[in-house]
Protein backbone atom coordinates (compact mmCIF):
# COMPACT_ATOMS: atom_id res chain seq x y z
CA MET A 1 34.02 0.26 -13.31
CA PRO A 2 30.80 1.77 -11.82
CA LYS A 3 29.13 4.86 -13.72
CA LYS A 4 29.17 7.69 -12.01
CA GLU A 5 25.74 9.56 -12.89
CA GLU A 6 23.15 8.96 -10.49
CA HIS A 7 20.14 5.86 -12.02
CA PHE A 8 16.31 6.27 -11.43
CA ILE A 9 14.86 2.72 -11.14
CA ASN A 10 12.54 3.05 -14.30
CA LYS A 11 15.91 3.39 -16.65
CA LEU A 12 17.25 0.34 -15.33
CA ASP A 13 16.65 -2.27 -17.97
CA LYS A 14 19.88 -3.26 -19.62
CA PRO A 15 23.03 -4.97 -17.66
CA GLY A 16 25.81 -3.68 -15.88
CA PHE A 17 27.64 -1.57 -12.96
CA ILE A 18 25.88 1.36 -11.92
CA GLU A 19 26.66 3.31 -8.31
CA SER A 20 23.63 5.37 -7.17
CA LYS A 21 21.15 6.48 -4.29
CA PHE A 22 17.90 3.96 -3.49
CA ALA A 23 15.33 4.60 -0.96
CA ILE A 24 15.43 1.23 1.26
CA SER A 25 11.29 0.28 1.33
CA ASP A 26 11.84 -3.17 2.90
CA LYS A 27 14.31 -5.95 3.85
CA ILE A 28 13.84 -9.44 4.62
CA VAL A 29 16.74 -12.24 5.08
CA LYS A 30 16.02 -15.58 2.57
CA THR A 31 17.15 -18.63 1.59
CA SER A 32 18.28 -19.77 -1.60
CA THR A 33 17.45 -23.06 -3.38
CA ASN A 34 21.39 -24.04 -2.08
CA GLY A 35 20.44 -23.64 1.77
CA ASN A 36 22.68 -19.71 1.79
CA GLN A 37 20.77 -16.74 3.18
CA TYR A 38 20.47 -13.61 1.52
CA LEU A 39 19.42 -10.85 2.02
CA ASP A 40 16.79 -8.98 -0.29
CA VAL A 41 16.26 -5.41 -0.23
CA THR A 42 13.82 -3.10 -2.04
CA LEU A 43 15.08 -0.10 -3.21
CA THR A 44 12.68 2.51 -4.41
CA ASP A 45 12.97 5.81 -5.73
CA LYS A 46 9.59 7.92 -7.69
CA THR A 47 10.01 5.97 -10.41
CA GLY A 48 8.97 2.69 -9.13
CA GLN A 49 11.09 0.07 -7.52
CA PHE A 50 13.54 -2.42 -7.74
CA ASP A 51 14.93 -5.48 -6.32
CA GLY A 52 18.15 -5.88 -5.17
CA ARG A 53 19.97 -9.19 -3.18
CA ILE A 54 22.99 -8.94 -1.19
CA PHE A 55 24.77 -12.26 -0.85
CA HIS A 56 27.46 -11.10 1.80
CA ASP A 57 27.78 -10.56 5.43
CA VAL A 58 23.50 -10.78 5.27
CA ASP A 59 23.43 -10.46 9.10
CA GLU A 60 25.92 -7.22 9.88
CA ILE A 61 24.29 -5.69 6.40
CA TYR A 62 21.10 -6.15 7.72
CA GLU A 63 21.53 -4.82 11.42
CA LYS A 64 23.23 -1.66 9.52
CA ILE A 65 20.86 -0.40 7.58
CA ASN A 66 16.82 1.06 8.05
CA VAL A 67 13.68 0.38 6.25
CA GLY A 68 12.83 4.42 4.99
CA SER A 69 16.71 5.53 4.55
CA VAL A 70 18.17 6.25 1.55
CA CYS A 71 21.37 4.59 0.60
CA LEU A 72 24.17 4.60 -1.67
CA VAL A 73 24.25 1.37 -3.62
CA LYS A 74 26.93 0.19 -5.50
CA GLY A 75 25.90 -3.10 -7.94
CA LYS A 76 25.75 -5.29 -10.82
CA ILE A 77 22.21 -5.05 -12.52
CA ASP A 78 21.27 -8.02 -14.36
CA GLU A 79 18.58 -10.26 -16.21
CA PHE A 80 16.64 -13.17 -13.95
CA PRO A 81 15.44 -14.92 -15.22
CA PRO A 82 17.69 -14.62 -18.01
CA GLY A 83 15.76 -14.08 -20.96
CA SER A 84 12.50 -12.88 -18.98
CA GLY A 85 13.22 -9.46 -19.68
CA ARG A 86 12.96 -8.44 -15.82
CA PHE A 87 15.72 -7.16 -13.78
CA ASN A 88 17.43 -7.35 -10.45
CA MET A 89 20.89 -6.02 -8.98
CA VAL A 90 23.37 -7.95 -7.12
CA ILE A 91 24.58 -5.75 -4.46
CA LYS A 92 28.57 -5.30 -3.54
CA SER A 93 28.26 -2.39 -1.38
CA ILE A 94 25.09 -0.26 0.88
CA ILE A 95 26.26 2.73 2.91
CA GLU A 96 23.44 4.51 4.73
CA LEU A 97 23.38 8.79 3.93
CA LYS A 98 22.50 11.10 5.98
CA GLU A 99 19.28 13.46 5.16
CA THR A 100 21.63 15.71 3.78
CA ASP A 101 23.51 13.79 1.10
CA TYR A 102 20.62 13.34 -1.30
CA LYS A 103 17.21 15.65 -2.16
CA ASN A 104 13.98 14.17 -0.84
CA GLU A 105 12.18 14.65 -3.98
CA ASP A 106 14.32 12.44 -6.21
CA PHE A 107 12.28 9.76 -3.52
CA LYS A 108 8.70 11.07 -3.85
CA ARG A 109 6.24 8.51 -5.64
CA VAL A 110 2.34 10.52 -6.10
CA SER A 111 -0.22 9.29 -7.78
CA VAL A 112 -1.16 10.44 -11.58
CA ASN A 113 -4.44 10.51 -10.81
CA ASP A 114 -6.58 14.06 -10.72
CA VAL A 115 -7.56 14.27 -7.14
CA ASN A 116 -10.88 16.06 -7.60
CA ILE A 117 -12.04 13.60 -10.11
CA SER A 118 -11.28 10.27 -7.66
CA LEU A 119 -13.08 12.61 -4.45
CA GLU A 120 -16.10 13.41 -7.08
CA PHE A 121 -17.08 9.44 -7.78
CA ILE A 122 -16.84 9.12 -3.59
CA THR A 123 -18.85 11.88 -3.01
CA SER A 124 -21.46 11.08 -5.80
CA THR A 125 -21.45 7.53 -4.74
CA ILE A 126 -21.87 8.55 -1.00
CA ALA A 127 -25.04 10.95 -2.47
CA ALA A 128 -26.64 7.84 -3.94
CA VAL A 129 -26.98 5.54 -1.23
CA LYS A 130 -29.89 5.35 0.26
CA ASN A 131 -29.60 3.82 3.42
CA GLN A 132 -29.64 7.18 5.82
CA ASP A 133 -27.07 5.25 8.51
CA LEU A 134 -24.77 4.41 6.24
CA LYS A 135 -24.76 7.76 4.56
CA ASN A 136 -24.51 9.46 7.93
CA LEU A 137 -21.48 7.40 9.01
CA LEU A 138 -19.83 8.04 5.64
CA ASN A 139 -20.64 11.63 5.68
CA ALA A 140 -18.54 11.89 8.70
CA PHE A 141 -15.35 11.10 7.23
CA PHE A 142 -16.13 12.73 3.89
CA SER A 143 -17.47 15.79 4.02
CA ASP A 144 -14.29 16.67 6.35
CA GLU A 145 -12.30 18.67 4.83
CA ARG A 146 -9.29 18.17 6.91
CA PHE A 147 -9.76 14.47 6.12
CA LEU A 148 -10.19 14.31 2.49
CA ASN A 149 -6.73 16.74 2.28
CA GLU A 150 -5.45 13.62 4.19
CA PHE A 151 -6.89 10.69 2.26
CA SER A 152 -5.56 11.82 -0.24
CA LYS A 153 -2.35 11.92 0.34
CA ALA A 154 -1.81 8.90 1.94
CA PRO A 155 -0.23 5.82 0.55
CA ALA A 156 -2.23 2.46 1.09
CA ALA A 157 1.38 0.47 1.85
CA ILE A 158 4.99 0.29 1.49
CA VAL A 159 5.68 -2.00 -0.92
CA HIS A 160 3.14 -4.21 -2.67
CA HIS A 161 0.89 -2.28 -4.26
CA HIS A 162 -0.38 1.52 -4.43
CA ASN A 163 3.09 2.46 -2.79
CA TYR A 164 3.07 6.41 -2.87
CA GLU A 165 1.36 9.51 -2.49
CA GLY A 166 -2.42 8.90 -3.27
CA GLY A 167 -2.30 5.57 -3.34
CA LEU A 168 -4.89 5.15 -0.47
CA LEU A 169 -7.17 7.42 -2.11
CA ASP A 170 -6.33 5.28 -5.99
CA HIS A 171 -6.81 2.07 -4.47
CA THR A 172 -10.47 3.45 -2.64
CA VAL A 173 -11.86 4.48 -6.24
CA GLU A 174 -10.70 1.34 -7.64
CA VAL A 175 -12.02 -1.42 -5.03
CA LEU A 176 -15.42 1.14 -5.60
CA LYS A 177 -15.19 1.11 -9.24
CA LEU A 178 -15.10 -3.37 -9.14
CA SER A 179 -17.40 -2.99 -6.94
CA LYS A 180 -19.59 -1.46 -8.86
CA THR A 181 -18.94 -3.92 -11.35
CA THR A 182 -20.10 -6.55 -8.84
CA THR A 183 -23.16 -5.56 -7.79
CA GLU A 184 -24.40 -5.15 -11.52
CA LEU A 185 -23.59 -8.93 -11.61
CA PHE A 186 -25.05 -9.74 -8.52
CA PRO A 187 -28.11 -7.15 -7.79
CA ASP A 188 -29.28 -9.16 -4.87
CA LEU A 189 -25.97 -7.52 -2.90
CA ASP A 190 -26.64 -4.88 -0.46
CA LYS A 191 -24.99 -1.66 -2.29
CA ASP A 192 -25.05 0.57 0.16
CA LEU A 193 -23.36 -1.93 2.61
CA LEU A 194 -20.91 -2.52 0.32
CA TYR A 195 -19.86 0.54 -0.55
CA THR A 196 -20.22 2.19 2.70
CA GLY A 197 -17.31 -0.90 3.70
CA VAL A 198 -14.96 -0.21 0.46
CA LEU A 199 -14.94 3.00 1.43
CA LEU A 200 -14.36 2.48 4.99
CA HIS A 201 -12.33 -0.50 4.97
CA ASP A 202 -8.54 0.79 4.87
CA LEU A 203 -8.86 4.35 6.63
CA GLY A 204 -6.57 3.53 9.23
CA LYS A 205 -3.64 3.51 6.36
CA MET A 206 -3.69 6.94 7.35
CA GLU A 207 -2.82 6.21 10.41
CA THR A 208 -0.17 3.57 9.10
CA TYR A 209 2.09 5.47 7.47
CA THR A 210 5.04 8.05 8.07
CA TYR A 211 6.01 9.85 4.27
CA GLY A 212 6.04 13.66 4.12
CA ASN A 213 9.63 14.00 3.74
CA GLY A 214 9.02 11.41 0.44
CA ILE A 215 9.45 8.15 1.82
CA ILE A 216 6.93 5.56 3.09
CA GLY A 217 7.67 4.42 6.63
CA TYR A 218 5.64 2.85 9.54
CA SER A 219 4.39 5.21 11.70
CA GLU A 220 4.49 3.74 15.81
CA GLU A 221 0.41 3.31 15.60
CA GLY A 222 1.16 1.41 12.46
CA ASP A 223 3.75 -0.90 13.42
CA MET A 224 2.26 -1.84 16.51
CA LEU A 225 -1.38 -1.79 15.63
CA ASP A 226 -1.25 -2.53 11.91
CA HIS A 227 -4.35 -0.84 9.53
CA ILE A 228 -6.93 -2.90 10.50
CA TYR A 229 -7.46 -2.57 13.58
CA LEU A 230 -7.01 0.97 13.32
CA SER A 231 -9.34 1.14 10.68
CA CYS A 232 -12.22 0.10 12.78
CA GLU A 233 -10.99 2.18 15.76
CA MET A 234 -11.60 5.07 13.42
CA VAL A 235 -14.81 4.08 12.09
CA LYS A 236 -16.08 2.99 16.07
CA GLU A 237 -15.56 6.25 17.14
CA LYS A 238 -18.26 7.90 13.90
CA ILE A 239 -20.43 5.48 15.43
CA ASP A 240 -20.32 6.16 18.29
CA LEU A 241 -20.90 9.83 17.90
CA LEU A 242 -23.81 9.00 15.44
CA GLU A 243 -25.65 6.45 17.38
CA THR A 244 -25.20 3.67 14.21
CA PRO A 245 -27.12 0.57 14.89
CA ARG A 246 -25.70 -1.89 16.50
CA GLU A 247 -26.85 -4.66 13.81
CA LEU A 248 -25.63 -2.18 11.03
CA SER A 249 -22.45 -1.77 13.07
CA ILE A 250 -21.64 -5.26 13.32
CA LYS A 251 -22.02 -5.93 9.70
CA ILE A 252 -19.70 -3.39 8.95
CA PHE A 253 -16.96 -3.90 11.22
CA HIS A 254 -16.95 -7.61 10.01
CA MET A 255 -16.35 -6.53 6.44
CA ILE A 256 -13.91 -4.60 7.20
CA LEU A 257 -11.22 -7.32 10.00
CA SER A 258 -12.08 -9.76 7.04
CA HIS A 259 -11.27 -7.88 4.63
CA HIS A 260 -7.89 -9.78 4.06
CA GLY A 261 -9.88 -12.85 3.33
CA ALA A 262 -10.08 -16.47 5.37
CA VAL A 263 -7.93 -16.30 8.78
CA SER A 264 -6.27 -19.65 7.17
CA LEU A 265 -4.64 -17.19 4.46
CA GLY A 266 -2.96 -15.78 7.28
CA TRP A 267 -2.94 -12.11 5.43
CA GLY A 268 -4.14 -10.19 8.57
CA SER A 269 -7.71 -11.04 8.78
CA SER A 270 -9.33 -10.95 12.12
CA VAL A 271 -12.61 -13.55 11.18
CA ASP A 272 -13.17 -15.05 7.88
CA PRO A 273 -15.58 -13.16 5.58
CA LYS A 274 -18.69 -14.26 6.27
CA THR A 275 -21.12 -12.36 4.11
CA PRO A 276 -21.81 -11.36 0.92
CA GLU A 277 -20.64 -8.17 0.50
CA ALA A 278 -17.82 -9.04 2.91
CA LEU A 279 -16.78 -11.68 0.62
CA ALA A 280 -17.20 -9.16 -2.57
CA LEU A 281 -15.55 -6.75 -0.43
CA HIS A 282 -12.51 -9.18 -0.07
CA TYR A 283 -12.53 -10.16 -3.49
CA ALA A 284 -12.31 -6.49 -5.15
CA ASP A 285 -9.47 -5.54 -2.61
CA ASN A 286 -7.62 -8.44 -3.74
CA LEU A 287 -7.73 -8.40 -7.48
CA ASP A 288 -6.89 -4.24 -7.18
CA ALA A 289 -3.95 -4.91 -5.06
CA LYS A 290 -2.50 -8.18 -7.33
CA VAL A 291 -3.23 -6.77 -10.25
CA LYS A 292 -0.92 -3.36 -9.32
CA LYS A 293 1.32 -5.03 -7.90
CA SER A 294 2.27 -7.18 -11.01
CA LEU A 295 2.22 -4.45 -13.52
CA HIS A 296 4.51 -2.64 -12.18
CA SER A 297 6.66 -4.43 -9.74
């Protein structure tokens, strides 16, 4: 019989039947090797995320459960592949709950890093920027207390990486650290330009996600426009006010638009990275995202 006590994801490390509450952060219909469809569901709570699979009534259940909702889930935990030490759940039933049926704090994931230390690393980097136009642009954002408060709390994703409150700040600092190492190896890189691109490339994520109740979802702007466009829009507003030189502005926009790598990868870039700084940003961003996801999947 399913256990009645609630289970947190960081404790789901052995086979057995469970019944507990989880937030739904993603749902995708997939096809198995034998040609049958199943529903892949990403379950989350304050301790992490977990894969669940539904093999019955796929279309019906897909329509009934919503990303960002909390559901009562019953299922069987199995190690898969056998001997791998990795576990997922075969879900037998899943029912969406009302807000009065759960506690938001059970699903709120927050960065473990010290916000003040992270922000000091960013502000000290900006202080060392020699190009005055770039420094003015960065200060237009990072000297604003309201901006810093929102930037420090925003997540960087729903599922893939840094998908918790404060994730955007963590990701930005980590990419900045990787980029500083890169400039030590390649001293001909334009440090000021690269660091500016790092600090601005994901600003749109502040407007992409909703997370006030502890469960990360898409805002209307995020769902319709995506964070790369929103980042460019936010930066363009400041560039227009500051009258940043056109050639420099183009380089900054290019870094934002290409930071997901070659267009052919299908990861969301509008153009291929064509400058050394754009390439350095892309690879630092990709390395941080992939390693973070691997460590916490």
